[in-house]
Protein backbone atom coordinates (compact mmCIF):
# COMPACT_ATOMS: atom_id res chain seq x y z
CA MET A 1 88.92 76.23 94.21
CA ALA A 2 89.32 79.98 93.92
CA SER A 3 86.67 82.55 94.71
CA LYS A 4 86.15 84.59 91.56
CA SER A 5 83.79 86.99 93.32
CA ILE A 6 86.53 88.07 95.72
CA SER A 7 89.32 88.20 93.15
CA VAL A 8 87.42 89.78 90.27
CA GLY A 9 84.73 91.65 92.18
CA VAL A 10 86.87 93.24 94.88
CA GLY A 11 90.58 92.81 94.13
CA ILE A 12 90.81 94.04 90.55
CA PRO A 13 88.58 97.13 91.01
CA MET A 14 90.59 98.16 94.08
CA ILE A 15 93.83 97.82 92.11
CA VAL A 16 92.43 99.91 89.26
CA VAL A 17 91.01 102.63 91.52
CA GLY A 18 94.24 102.83 93.53
CA ALA A 19 96.35 103.14 90.40
CA LEU A 20 94.07 105.83 88.95
CA MET A 21 94.22 107.81 92.19
CA ALA A 22 97.99 107.57 92.53
CA TRP A 23 98.90 108.23 88.90
CA LEU A 24 96.14 110.41 87.46
CA LEU A 25 94.46 112.29 90.30
CA ALA A 26 97.46 113.13 92.51
CA PRO A 27 99.41 115.32 90.03
CA PHE A 28 96.44 117.69 89.70
CA GLN A 29 96.13 118.23 93.47
CA SER A 30 99.09 120.33 94.52
CA GLU A 31 98.16 120.77 98.19
CA MET A 32 97.33 117.16 99.04
CA GLN A 33 99.44 115.32 96.46
CA ASN A 34 101.35 113.20 98.98
CA THR A 35 98.20 112.18 100.82
CA ILE A 36 96.37 111.20 97.62
CA GLU A 37 99.37 109.19 96.41
CA PHE A 38 99.53 107.41 99.78
CA VAL A 39 95.82 106.59 99.85
CA GLY A 40 95.88 105.42 96.22
CA SER A 41 98.87 103.20 96.87
CA LEU A 42 97.25 101.80 100.00
CA ILE A 43 94.05 100.97 98.10
CA GLY A 44 96.09 99.29 95.37
CA ILE A 45 98.09 97.21 97.84
CA LEU A 46 94.93 96.12 99.65
CA GLY A 47 93.45 95.20 96.26
CA VAL A 48 96.42 92.93 95.61
CA VAL A 49 95.93 91.33 99.03
CA PHE A 50 92.23 90.72 98.33
CA PHE A 51 93.05 89.35 94.87
CA ILE A 52 95.57 86.86 96.26
CA SER A 53 93.33 85.86 99.16
CA GLY A 54 90.52 85.21 96.69
CA LEU A 55 92.76 82.76 94.85
CA PHE A 56 93.29 80.71 98.01
CA TYR A 57 89.76 80.89 99.45
CA THR A 58 87.73 77.67 99.66
CA LYS A 59 84.35 77.10 101.24
CA GLU A 60 85.21 73.53 102.18
CA PRO A 61 88.27 72.70 104.27
CA VAL A 62 91.05 70.95 102.43
CA MET A 63 91.55 67.48 103.88
CA HIS A 64 94.87 65.76 103.27
């Protein structure tokens, strides 16, 4: 049972915001371009981690 609120509510927006920062905002900032690319990439990677963790999250323990 996946948690849609974690995957869709947190993971996907973080991926989108990170990609927009790294690809669209960074080229316009000449002084801090490397820092903005790094922060955008970090946000995107954390969004992927949240998305995947939301797929495996269950409220009840799995009993085998």
